[in-house]
Amino acid sequence: MLLFCIVGQAQTVSDPVGVWNYSIPEAPDEYGVGKAEFKREDGKLTMTLKVGNNPAVPLSVTVKENNVYVCDLKTNEFSMTITLKPDGANLKGTVSSDYWDVGITLTPVKK
């Protein structure tokens, strides 16, 4: 019974491990919605973004005070930072890239 409770526990803004739907209303249509997944690997929090049929994009995550998450992707061609803060059961914030700064909302995927 205890195992079921642990497995059935949904992600929260204080422990985001799990799958989230994301929405970026100001982004081009092909990037505006998708999935984000937080994982713990070797004690570190990571996040991947999945947009359509494109490969998942891994981001490093830094956790700040008050459950603020700073997610970074840096390559030779592109850089992007997603800053997320708790907003009720959701995470809201900003995507900053070489090309634009737009709002983003993550909502937990219900199991």
C-alpha atoms as a PDB file:
ATOM      1  CA  MET A   1       0.000   0.000   0.000  1.00  0.00           C
ATOM      2  CA  LEU A   2       2.819   2.402   0.865  1.00  0.00           C
ATOM      3  CA  LEU A   3       4.497   1.671  -2.476  1.00  0.00           C
ATOM      4  CA  PHE A   4       1.300   2.631  -4.319  1.00  0.00           C
ATOM      5  CA  CYS A   5       1.216   5.976  -2.487  1.00  0.00           C
ATOM      6  CA  ILE A   6       4.801   6.713  -3.443  1.00  0.00           C
ATOM      7  CA  VAL A   7       4.327   5.711  -7.085  1.00  0.00           C
ATOM      8  CA  GLY A   8       0.990   7.539  -7.331  1.00  0.00           C
ATOM      9  CA  GLN A   9       2.317  10.817  -5.968  1.00  0.00           C
ATOM     10  CA  ALA A  10       2.012  13.577  -8.548  1.00  0.00           C
ATOM     11  CA  GLN A  11       4.610  16.220  -9.185  1.00  0.00           C
ATOM     12  CA  THR A  12       4.221  19.533  -7.398  1.00  0.00           C
ATOM     13  CA  VAL A  13       5.859  22.930  -7.609  1.00  0.00           C
ATOM     14  CA  SER A  14       8.087  21.935  -4.672  1.00  0.00           C
ATOM     15  CA  ASP A  15       9.010  18.584  -6.285  1.00  0.00           C
ATOM     16  CA  PRO A  16       8.509  18.930 -10.043  1.00  0.00           C
ATOM     17  CA  VAL A  17       9.729  15.428 -10.991  1.00  0.00           C
ATOM     18  CA  GLY A  18       7.262  14.153 -13.557  1.00  0.00           C
ATOM     19  CA  VAL A  19       5.622  15.205 -16.814  1.00  0.00           C
ATOM     20  CA  TRP A  20       4.128  18.658 -17.386  1.00  0.00           C
ATOM     21  CA  ASN A  21       2.262  20.189 -20.318  1.00  0.00           C
ATOM     22  CA  TYR A  22       3.710  23.499 -21.380  1.00  0.00           C
ATOM     23  CA  SER A  23       2.135  26.406 -23.191  1.00  0.00           C
ATOM     24  CA  ILE A  24       3.923  29.379 -24.751  1.00  0.00           C
ATOM     25  CA  PRO A  25       1.107  31.446 -26.329  1.00  0.00           C
ATOM     26  CA  GLU A  26       3.458  33.971 -27.952  1.00  0.00           C
ATOM     27  CA  ALA A  27       5.718  31.372 -29.582  1.00  0.00           C
ATOM     28  CA  PRO A  28       5.383  30.238 -33.193  1.00  0.00           C
ATOM     29  CA  ASP A  29       2.731  27.505 -33.517  1.00  0.00           C
ATOM     30  CA  GLU A  30       5.240  24.657 -33.851  1.00  0.00           C
ATOM     31  CA  TYR A  31       6.840  25.588 -30.494  1.00  0.00           C
ATOM     32  CA  GLY A  32       3.799  26.843 -28.569  1.00  0.00           C
ATOM     33  CA  VAL A  33       2.749  23.611 -26.830  1.00  0.00           C
ATOM     34  CA  GLY A  34       4.487  20.432 -25.778  1.00  0.00           C
ATOM     35  CA  LYS A  35       5.690  18.403 -22.822  1.00  0.00           C
ATOM     36  CA  ALA A  36       8.338  19.076 -20.218  1.00  0.00           C
ATOM     37  CA  GLU A  37       9.682  16.327 -17.990  1.00  0.00           C
ATOM     38  CA  PHE A  38      11.681  16.842 -14.818  1.00  0.00           C
ATOM     39  CA  LYS A  39      13.889  13.965 -13.607  1.00  0.00           C
ATOM     40  CA  ARG A  40      16.454  13.425 -10.877  1.00  0.00           C
ATOM     41  CA  GLU A  41      19.631  11.872 -12.227  1.00  0.00           C
ATOM     42  CA  ASP A  42      22.640  11.315  -9.971  1.00  0.00           C
ATOM     43  CA  GLY A  43      21.069  13.662  -7.421  1.00  0.00           C
ATOM     44  CA  LYS A  44      20.679  16.501  -9.946  1.00  0.00           C
ATOM     45  CA  LEU A  45      17.430  17.857 -11.315  1.00  0.00           C
ATOM     46  CA  THR A  46      17.176  17.873 -15.119  1.00  0.00           C
ATOM     47  CA  MET A  47      14.423  18.789 -17.554  1.00  0.00           C
ATOM     48  CA  THR A  48      13.695  17.814 -21.142  1.00  0.00           C
ATOM     49  CA  LEU A  49      11.360  19.590 -23.547  1.00  0.00           C
ATOM     50  CA  LYS A  50       9.465  17.647 -26.186  1.00  0.00           C
ATOM     51  CA  VAL A  51       7.959  19.623 -29.060  1.00  0.00           C
ATOM     52  CA  GLY A  52       5.916  17.652 -31.593  1.00  0.00           C
ATOM     53  CA  ASN A  53       7.932  14.923 -33.324  1.00  0.00           C
ATOM     54  CA  ASN A  54      11.259  16.632 -32.620  1.00  0.00           C
ATOM     55  CA  PRO A  55      13.861  14.963 -30.388  1.00  0.00           C
ATOM     56  CA  ALA A  56      13.636  15.846 -26.682  1.00  0.00           C
ATOM     57  CA  VAL A  57      15.859  18.772 -25.715  1.00  0.00           C
ATOM     58  CA  PRO A  58      17.757  18.393 -22.403  1.00  0.00           C
ATOM     59  CA  LEU A  59      18.200  21.390 -20.093  1.00  0.00           C
ATOM     60  CA  SER A  60      20.235  21.707 -16.915  1.00  0.00           C
ATOM     61  CA  VAL A  61      18.257  22.921 -13.897  1.00  0.00           C
ATOM     62  CA  THR A  62      19.357  25.123 -11.027  1.00  0.00           C
ATOM     63  CA  VAL A  63      16.986  25.308  -8.064  1.00  0.00           C
ATOM     64  CA  LYS A  64      16.802  28.689  -6.341  1.00  0.00           C
ATOM     65  CA  GLU A  65      15.052  29.776  -3.147  1.00  0.00           C
ATOM     66  CA  ASN A  66      11.271  29.416  -2.951  1.00  0.00           C
ATOM     67  CA  ASN A  67      11.148  26.672  -5.604  1.00  0.00           C
ATOM     68  CA  VAL A  68      12.325  28.874  -8.462  1.00  0.00           C
ATOM     69  CA  TYR A  69      13.824  26.795 -11.277  1.00  0.00           C
ATOM     70  CA  VAL A  70      16.318  28.146 -13.811  1.00  0.00           C
ATOM     71  CA  CYS A  71      16.600  25.772 -16.787  1.00  0.00           C
ATOM     72  CA  ASP A  72      19.425  26.361 -19.280  1.00  0.00           C
ATOM     73  CA  LEU A  73      20.261  25.128 -22.747  1.00  0.00           C
ATOM     74  CA  LYS A  74      23.465  26.361 -24.338  1.00  0.00           C
ATOM     75  CA  THR A  75      24.931  25.171 -27.629  1.00  0.00           C
ATOM     76  CA  ASN A  76      27.273  26.774 -30.135  1.00  0.00           C
ATOM     77  CA  GLU A  77      24.267  27.831 -32.216  1.00  0.00           C
ATOM     78  CA  PHE A  78      21.607  28.665 -29.612  1.00  0.00           C
ATOM     79  CA  SER A  79      21.028  29.480 -25.956  1.00  0.00           C
ATOM     80  CA  MET A  80      17.813  29.507 -23.962  1.00  0.00           C
ATOM     81  CA  THR A  81      16.941  30.055 -20.308  1.00  0.00           C
ATOM     82  CA  ILE A  82      13.571  29.170 -18.803  1.00  0.00           C
ATOM     83  CA  THR A  83      12.873  30.664 -15.385  1.00  0.00           C
ATOM     84  CA  LEU A  84       9.902  29.097 -13.577  1.00  0.00           C
ATOM     85  CA  LYS A  85       8.163  30.123 -10.364  1.00  0.00           C
ATOM     86  CA  PRO A  86       5.283  28.455  -8.492  1.00  0.00           C
ATOM     87  CA  ASP A  87       1.798  29.714  -9.342  1.00  0.00           C
ATOM     88  CA  GLY A  88      -0.708  27.584  -7.468  1.00  0.00           C
ATOM     89  CA  ALA A  89      -0.343  24.021  -8.803  1.00  0.00           C
ATOM     90  CA  ASN A  90       1.409  25.337 -11.943  1.00  0.00           C
ATOM     91  CA  LEU A  91       4.819  26.727 -12.782  1.00  0.00           C
ATOM     92  CA  LYS A  92       4.907  30.041 -14.668  1.00  0.00           C
ATOM     93  CA  GLY A  93       7.768  32.074 -15.978  1.00  0.00           C
ATOM     94  CA  THR A  94       9.745  33.308 -18.937  1.00  0.00           C
ATOM     95  CA  VAL A  95      11.627  31.755 -21.829  1.00  0.00           C
ATOM     96  CA  SER A  96      14.590  33.926 -22.806  1.00  0.00           C
ATOM     97  CA  SER A  97      16.505  33.047 -25.952  1.00  0.00           C
ATOM     98  CA  ASP A  98      18.675  34.632 -28.583  1.00  0.00           C
ATOM     99  CA  TYR A  99      15.490  35.460 -30.489  1.00  0.00           C
ATOM    100  CA  TRP A 100      12.709  36.274 -28.005  1.00  0.00           C
ATOM    101  CA  ASP A 101      11.504  36.581 -24.424  1.00  0.00           C
ATOM    102  CA  VAL A 102       8.039  35.078 -23.897  1.00  0.00           C
ATOM    103  CA  GLY A 103       5.859  33.735 -21.088  1.00  0.00           C
ATOM    104  CA  ILE A 104       5.483  30.024 -20.366  1.00  0.00           C
ATOM    105  CA  THR A 105       3.102  28.024 -18.183  1.00  0.00           C
ATOM    106  CA  LEU A 106       3.632  24.416 -17.079  1.00  0.00           C
ATOM    107  CA  THR A 107       0.654  22.425 -15.808  1.00  0.00           C
ATOM    108  CA  PRO A 108       1.067  18.978 -14.237  1.00  0.00           C
ATOM    109  CA  VAL A 109      -0.060  16.011 -16.306  1.00  0.00           C
ATOM    110  CA  LYS A 110      -2.638  14.098 -14.301  1.00  0.00           C
ATOM    111  CA  LYS A 111      -1.934  10.388 -13.907  1.00  0.00           C
END
